[in-house]
Amino acid sequence: MSTIVKEVDTCEITVIHEEQVQHAKESMLPEDQIARLSTVFQAFSDPTRLRILHSLRQNEMCVCDLAASLEMTQSAVSHQLRKLKQARMVSNRKEGRTVYYRLHDEHVETLLQTSLFHILHT
């Protein structure tokens, strides 16, 4: 029998740059902010949710119009809109029996633009 040895990159010493380590610890975001950021990036992790967000960049839209433009069922779109609303990426308003969705605020638009710029210029 042969033994497989797995090589792992490790340092021989514990800390090289103590000041950098201390600065990183002191400037770390609080756990609640880390959790909220994680929620935002999870919202961006699904292609369908990105398509919905992109569709809402120009105008607010109702679920049926979003479903038609994305060639999806209203149920599937509603499911993703719920997740986006929980992440505060979209907000809605009701007009009669119709619910209209829009990007929550300009920060969502900025995140979309910055992310797109990043992938197109790297």
N, C-alpha and C. Protein backbone atom coordinates (compact mmCIF):
# COMPACT_ATOMS: atom_id res chain seq x y z
N MET A 1 0.82 -1.18 0.00
CA MET A 1 0.00 0.00 0.00
C MET A 1 0.87 1.24 0.00
N SER A 2 0.43 2.22 -0.76
CA SER A 2 1.16 3.48 -0.77
C SER A 2 0.43 4.48 0.11
N THR A 3 1.20 5.34 0.70
CA THR A 3 0.64 6.38 1.55
C THR A 3 0.60 7.68 0.78
N ILE A 4 -0.54 8.34 0.81
CA ILE A 4 -0.67 9.63 0.15
C ILE A 4 -0.40 10.71 1.18
N VAL A 5 0.55 11.56 0.84
CA VAL A 5 0.89 12.67 1.72
C VAL A 5 0.29 13.93 1.12
N LYS A 6 -0.47 14.60 1.92
CA LYS A 6 -1.10 15.84 1.47
C LYS A 6 -0.27 17.01 1.97
N GLU A 7 0.16 17.84 1.03
CA GLU A 7 0.96 19.00 1.39
C GLU A 7 0.04 20.17 1.69
N VAL A 8 0.27 20.81 2.82
CA VAL A 8 -0.56 21.94 3.23
C VAL A 8 0.35 23.14 3.45
N ASP A 9 -0.04 24.29 2.88
CA ASP A 9 0.73 25.51 3.09
C ASP A 9 0.49 26.03 4.50
N THR A 10 1.54 26.09 5.28
CA THR A 10 1.45 26.66 6.62
C THR A 10 2.69 27.48 6.91
N CYS A 11 2.55 28.38 7.85
CA CYS A 11 3.70 29.18 8.28
C CYS A 11 4.40 28.47 9.43
N GLU A 12 5.70 28.67 9.51
CA GLU A 12 6.45 28.08 10.60
C GLU A 12 6.35 28.92 11.87
N ILE A 13 5.96 30.17 11.72
CA ILE A 13 5.78 31.03 12.88
C ILE A 13 4.32 31.46 12.95
N THR A 14 3.90 31.92 14.09
CA THR A 14 2.50 32.25 14.30
C THR A 14 2.11 33.57 13.65
N VAL A 15 2.89 34.63 13.87
CA VAL A 15 2.56 35.96 13.34
C VAL A 15 3.82 36.61 12.81
N ILE A 16 3.73 37.19 11.62
CA ILE A 16 4.86 37.91 11.05
C ILE A 16 4.71 39.40 11.29
N HIS A 17 3.56 39.92 11.00
CA HIS A 17 3.32 41.37 11.09
C HIS A 17 2.26 41.64 12.15
N GLU A 18 2.69 41.75 13.39
CA GLU A 18 1.76 41.91 14.50
C GLU A 18 0.89 43.16 14.35
N GLU A 19 1.46 44.26 13.86
CA GLU A 19 0.69 45.49 13.71
C GLU A 19 -0.45 45.31 12.71
N GLN A 20 -0.18 44.60 11.61
CA GLN A 20 -1.22 44.37 10.61
C GLN A 20 -2.32 43.47 11.17
N VAL A 21 -1.93 42.47 11.93
CA VAL A 21 -2.91 41.57 12.54
C VAL A 21 -3.78 42.35 13.52
N GLN A 22 -3.15 43.18 14.35
CA GLN A 22 -3.89 43.96 15.33
C GLN A 22 -4.85 44.94 14.64
N HIS A 23 -4.36 45.59 13.58
CA HIS A 23 -5.21 46.53 12.84
C HIS A 23 -6.41 45.81 12.22
N ALA A 24 -6.17 44.63 11.66
CA ALA A 24 -7.26 43.85 11.06
C ALA A 24 -8.31 43.48 12.11
N LYS A 25 -7.85 43.09 13.29
CA LYS A 25 -8.78 42.74 14.37
C LYS A 25 -9.58 43.95 14.83
N GLU A 26 -8.90 45.08 14.99
CA GLU A 26 -9.57 46.28 15.49
C GLU A 26 -10.56 46.86 14.48
N SER A 27 -10.28 46.68 13.20
CA SER A 27 -11.16 47.28 12.19
C SER A 27 -12.22 46.30 11.67
N MET A 28 -12.28 45.11 12.24
CA MET A 28 -13.25 44.10 11.80
C MET A 28 -14.67 44.61 12.05
N LEU A 29 -15.53 44.37 11.09
CA LEU A 29 -16.93 44.76 11.23
C LEU A 29 -17.62 43.95 12.32
N PRO A 30 -18.61 44.52 12.98
CA PRO A 30 -19.39 43.76 13.96
C PRO A 30 -20.12 42.60 13.28
N GLU A 31 -20.38 41.56 14.03
CA GLU A 31 -21.01 40.35 13.47
C GLU A 31 -22.35 40.62 12.81
N ASP A 32 -23.15 41.54 13.36
CA ASP A 32 -24.44 41.81 12.75
C ASP A 32 -24.27 42.45 11.37
N GLN A 33 -23.25 43.28 11.19
CA GLN A 33 -22.99 43.87 9.88
C GLN A 33 -22.46 42.83 8.90
N ILE A 34 -21.63 41.93 9.38
CA ILE A 34 -21.12 40.84 8.54
C ILE A 34 -22.30 39.99 8.06
N ALA A 35 -23.23 39.69 8.95
CA ALA A 35 -24.40 38.88 8.59
C ALA A 35 -25.26 39.59 7.55
N ARG A 36 -25.45 40.90 7.70
CA ARG A 36 -26.25 41.66 6.74
C ARG A 36 -25.56 41.73 5.38
N LEU A 37 -24.25 41.91 5.38
CA LEU A 37 -23.50 41.91 4.11
C LEU A 37 -23.62 40.56 3.42
N SER A 38 -23.54 39.51 4.22
CA SER A 38 -23.67 38.16 3.67
C SER A 38 -25.03 37.99 3.00
N THR A 39 -26.08 38.53 3.60
CA THR A 39 -27.42 38.46 3.02
C THR A 39 -27.47 39.18 1.69
N VAL A 40 -26.83 40.34 1.61
CA VAL A 40 -26.80 41.10 0.36
C VAL A 40 -26.12 40.29 -0.74
N PHE A 41 -24.96 39.71 -0.42
CA PHE A 41 -24.23 38.96 -1.44
C PHE A 41 -24.93 37.65 -1.79
N GLN A 42 -25.66 37.07 -0.84
CA GLN A 42 -26.46 35.90 -1.18
C GLN A 42 -27.54 36.26 -2.19
N ALA A 43 -28.11 37.44 -2.04
CA ALA A 43 -29.12 37.89 -3.00
C ALA A 43 -28.53 37.98 -4.40
N PHE A 44 -27.27 38.36 -4.50
CA PHE A 44 -26.60 38.48 -5.79
C PHE A 44 -26.12 37.13 -6.32
N SER A 45 -26.20 36.09 -5.51
CA SER A 45 -25.61 34.81 -5.90
C SER A 45 -26.48 33.97 -6.83
N ASP A 46 -27.69 34.39 -7.07
CA ASP A 46 -28.61 33.61 -7.90
C ASP A 46 -28.86 34.31 -9.23
N PRO A 47 -28.64 33.64 -10.36
CA PRO A 47 -28.83 34.26 -11.67
C PRO A 47 -30.24 34.82 -11.89
N THR A 48 -31.26 34.12 -11.40
CA THR A 48 -32.62 34.61 -11.57
C THR A 48 -32.82 35.92 -10.82
N ARG A 49 -32.31 36.00 -9.61
CA ARG A 49 -32.44 37.24 -8.84
C ARG A 49 -31.69 38.37 -9.52
N LEU A 50 -30.55 38.08 -10.11
CA LEU A 50 -29.81 39.12 -10.84
C LEU A 50 -30.60 39.59 -12.06
N ARG A 51 -31.25 38.68 -12.74
CA ARG A 51 -32.07 39.06 -13.90
C ARG A 51 -33.24 39.94 -13.46
N ILE A 52 -33.84 39.61 -12.34
CA ILE A 52 -34.93 40.44 -11.81
C ILE A 52 -34.41 41.83 -11.46
N LEU A 53 -33.30 41.89 -10.75
CA LEU A 53 -32.74 43.19 -10.38
C LEU A 53 -32.41 44.01 -11.61
N HIS A 54 -31.82 43.36 -12.60
CA HIS A 54 -31.49 44.07 -13.83
C HIS A 54 -32.76 44.60 -14.51
N SER A 55 -33.81 43.81 -14.51
CA SER A 55 -35.08 44.22 -15.12
C SER A 55 -35.67 45.44 -14.42
N LEU A 56 -35.42 45.55 -13.13
CA LEU A 56 -36.00 46.64 -12.34
C LEU A 56 -35.13 47.90 -12.35
N ARG A 57 -34.01 47.87 -13.05
CA ARG A 57 -33.12 49.04 -13.07
C ARG A 57 -33.78 50.25 -13.71
N GLN A 58 -34.60 50.05 -14.71
CA GLN A 58 -35.21 51.17 -15.44
C GLN A 58 -36.56 51.58 -14.87
N ASN A 59 -37.39 50.60 -14.57
CA ASN A 59 -38.77 50.89 -14.15
C ASN A 59 -39.23 49.89 -13.11
N GLU A 60 -40.21 50.30 -12.32
CA GLU A 60 -40.86 49.33 -11.46
C GLU A 60 -41.72 48.43 -12.33
N MET A 61 -41.92 47.21 -11.87
CA MET A 61 -42.69 46.24 -12.66
C MET A 61 -43.53 45.39 -11.73
N CYS A 62 -44.67 44.92 -12.24
CA CYS A 62 -45.49 43.98 -11.47
C CYS A 62 -44.97 42.57 -11.72
N VAL A 63 -45.41 41.65 -10.88
CA VAL A 63 -44.95 40.27 -10.96
C VAL A 63 -45.26 39.66 -12.33
N CYS A 64 -46.46 39.91 -12.84
CA CYS A 64 -46.83 39.29 -14.13
C CYS A 64 -45.95 39.80 -15.26
N ASP A 65 -45.61 41.10 -15.25
CA ASP A 65 -44.74 41.64 -16.30
C ASP A 65 -43.31 41.11 -16.15
N LEU A 66 -42.84 41.01 -14.92
CA LEU A 66 -41.51 40.42 -14.70
C LEU A 66 -41.48 38.98 -15.19
N ALA A 67 -42.51 38.22 -14.85
CA ALA A 67 -42.57 36.82 -15.27
C ALA A 67 -42.55 36.70 -16.78
N ALA A 68 -43.31 37.56 -17.46
CA ALA A 68 -43.35 37.52 -18.92
C ALA A 68 -42.00 37.90 -19.52
N SER A 69 -41.37 38.92 -18.98
CA SER A 69 -40.09 39.37 -19.54
C SER A 69 -38.97 38.36 -19.29
N LEU A 70 -39.07 37.61 -18.20
CA LEU A 70 -38.04 36.62 -17.87
C LEU A 70 -38.40 35.22 -18.35
N GLU A 71 -39.61 35.09 -18.92
CA GLU A 71 -40.12 33.79 -19.38
C GLU A 71 -40.10 32.77 -18.26
N MET A 72 -40.70 33.18 -17.14
CA MET A 72 -40.79 32.33 -15.95
C MET A 72 -42.23 32.36 -15.46
N THR A 73 -42.54 31.46 -14.54
CA THR A 73 -43.87 31.49 -13.93
C THR A 73 -43.93 32.62 -12.90
N GLN A 74 -45.14 33.11 -12.67
CA GLN A 74 -45.31 34.14 -11.65
C GLN A 74 -44.92 33.63 -10.28
N SER A 75 -45.19 32.36 -10.03
CA SER A 75 -44.84 31.76 -8.75
C SER A 75 -43.33 31.77 -8.52
N ALA A 76 -42.58 31.41 -9.56
CA ALA A 76 -41.11 31.40 -9.45
C ALA A 76 -40.56 32.81 -9.23
N VAL A 77 -41.11 33.77 -9.94
CA VAL A 77 -40.67 35.16 -9.79
C VAL A 77 -41.03 35.67 -8.40
N SER A 78 -42.23 35.37 -7.93
CA SER A 78 -42.66 35.80 -6.60
C SER A 78 -41.74 35.24 -5.52
N HIS A 79 -41.35 33.99 -5.69
CA HIS A 79 -40.44 33.36 -4.73
C HIS A 79 -39.12 34.13 -4.64
N GLN A 80 -38.56 34.48 -5.79
CA GLN A 80 -37.29 35.21 -5.81
C GLN A 80 -37.47 36.65 -5.31
N LEU A 81 -38.58 37.26 -5.62
CA LEU A 81 -38.86 38.61 -5.13
C LEU A 81 -38.94 38.63 -3.60
N ARG A 82 -39.51 37.58 -3.02
CA ARG A 82 -39.57 37.48 -1.55
C ARG A 82 -38.17 37.51 -0.96
N LYS A 83 -37.26 36.74 -1.58
CA LYS A 83 -35.88 36.71 -1.09
C LYS A 83 -35.21 38.07 -1.26
N LEU A 84 -35.46 38.71 -2.39
CA LEU A 84 -34.87 40.03 -2.63
C LEU A 84 -35.43 41.07 -1.67
N LYS A 85 -36.69 40.94 -1.34
CA LYS A 85 -37.30 41.88 -0.39
C LYS A 85 -36.72 41.67 1.01
N GLN A 86 -36.53 40.41 1.41
CA GLN A 86 -35.93 40.11 2.71
C GLN A 86 -34.53 40.68 2.81
N ALA A 87 -33.82 40.71 1.69
CA ALA A 87 -32.45 41.25 1.66
C ALA A 87 -32.45 42.77 1.47
N ARG A 88 -33.63 43.37 1.41
CA ARG A 88 -33.79 44.81 1.21
C ARG A 88 -33.18 45.27 -0.12
N MET A 89 -33.28 44.42 -1.13
CA MET A 89 -32.80 44.76 -2.46
C MET A 89 -33.93 45.33 -3.31
N VAL A 90 -35.16 44.94 -3.01
CA VAL A 90 -36.33 45.49 -3.69
C VAL A 90 -37.36 45.92 -2.65
N SER A 91 -38.21 46.82 -3.07
CA SER A 91 -39.37 47.19 -2.24
C SER A 91 -40.58 47.17 -3.16
N ASN A 92 -41.75 47.27 -2.56
CA ASN A 92 -42.95 47.17 -3.39
C ASN A 92 -44.01 48.17 -2.94
N ARG A 93 -44.97 48.35 -3.81
CA ARG A 93 -46.15 49.15 -3.49
C ARG A 93 -47.34 48.46 -4.14
N LYS A 94 -48.48 48.63 -3.53
CA LYS A 94 -49.69 47.99 -4.03
C LYS A 94 -50.60 49.04 -4.63
N GLU A 95 -51.12 48.72 -5.81
CA GLU A 95 -52.09 49.58 -6.48
C GLU A 95 -53.28 48.69 -6.83
N GLY A 96 -54.33 48.80 -6.04
CA GLY A 96 -55.46 47.88 -6.21
C GLY A 96 -55.01 46.48 -5.85
N ARG A 97 -55.16 45.57 -6.79
CA ARG A 97 -54.74 44.18 -6.55
C ARG A 97 -53.36 43.89 -7.14
N THR A 98 -52.76 44.89 -7.74
CA THR A 98 -51.46 44.70 -8.40
C THR A 98 -50.34 45.21 -7.50
N VAL A 99 -49.28 44.40 -7.37
CA VAL A 99 -48.11 44.78 -6.58
C VAL A 99 -46.98 45.10 -7.54
N TYR A 100 -46.41 46.28 -7.37
CA TYR A 100 -45.30 46.73 -8.21
C TYR A 100 -44.01 46.68 -7.39
N TYR A 101 -42.95 46.20 -8.03
CA TYR A 101 -41.64 46.10 -7.38
C TYR A 101 -40.66 47.06 -8.04
N ARG A 102 -39.73 47.53 -7.24
CA ARG A 102 -38.67 48.43 -7.71
C ARG A 102 -37.42 48.16 -6.88
N LEU A 103 -36.27 48.65 -7.37
CA LEU A 103 -35.06 48.54 -6.57
C LEU A 103 -35.27 49.32 -5.28
N HIS A 104 -34.76 48.81 -4.19
CA HIS A 104 -35.00 49.41 -2.88
C HIS A 104 -34.50 50.84 -2.79
N ASP A 105 -33.29 51.08 -3.31
CA ASP A 105 -32.74 52.43 -3.30
C ASP A 105 -31.57 52.51 -4.27
N GLU A 106 -30.95 53.68 -4.33
CA GLU A 106 -29.85 53.89 -5.29
C GLU A 106 -28.63 53.04 -4.97
N HIS A 107 -28.51 52.56 -3.73
CA HIS A 107 -27.37 51.71 -3.39
C HIS A 107 -27.41 50.38 -4.15
N VAL A 108 -28.60 49.86 -4.35
CA VAL A 108 -28.74 48.61 -5.10
C VAL A 108 -28.30 48.84 -6.54
N GLU A 109 -28.72 49.95 -7.12
CA GLU A 109 -28.29 50.30 -8.48
C GLU A 109 -26.77 50.43 -8.54
N THR A 110 -26.18 51.07 -7.54
CA THR A 110 -24.72 51.25 -7.49
C THR A 110 -24.02 49.90 -7.40
N LEU A 111 -24.54 49.00 -6.56
CA LEU A 111 -23.96 47.66 -6.45
C LEU A 111 -24.00 46.93 -7.79
N LEU A 112 -25.13 47.03 -8.47
CA LEU A 112 -25.26 46.39 -9.78
C LEU A 112 -24.27 46.98 -10.78
N GLN A 113 -24.20 48.30 -10.84
CA GLN A 113 -23.29 48.96 -11.79
C GLN A 113 -21.83 48.62 -11.49
N THR A 114 -21.46 48.68 -10.22
CA THR A 114 -20.08 48.40 -9.83
C THR A 114 -19.71 46.96 -10.14
N SER A 115 -20.62 46.04 -9.86
CA SER A 115 -20.35 44.62 -10.14
C SER A 115 -20.20 44.37 -11.63
N LEU A 116 -21.07 44.98 -12.41
CA LEU A 116 -20.98 44.84 -13.86
C LEU A 116 -19.69 45.44 -14.39
N PHE A 117 -19.33 46.61 -13.91
CA PHE A 117 -18.08 47.24 -14.31
C PHE A 117 -16.90 46.34 -13.97
N HIS A 118 -16.95 45.72 -12.80
CA HIS A 118 -15.86 44.84 -12.35
C HIS A 118 -15.68 43.66 -13.31
N ILE A 119 -16.77 43.01 -13.69
CA ILE A 119 -16.61 41.83 -14.55
C ILE A 119 -16.25 42.20 -15.98
N LEU A 120 -16.64 43.39 -16.42
CA LEU A 120 -16.34 43.79 -17.79
C LEU A 120 -14.93 44.34 -17.95
N HIS A 121 -14.30 44.73 -16.86
CA HIS A 121 -12.98 45.36 -16.94
C HIS A 121 -11.90 44.62 -16.16
N THR A 122 -12.08 43.34 -15.96
CA THR A 122 -11.03 42.56 -15.30
C THR A 122 -10.53 41.47 -16.20
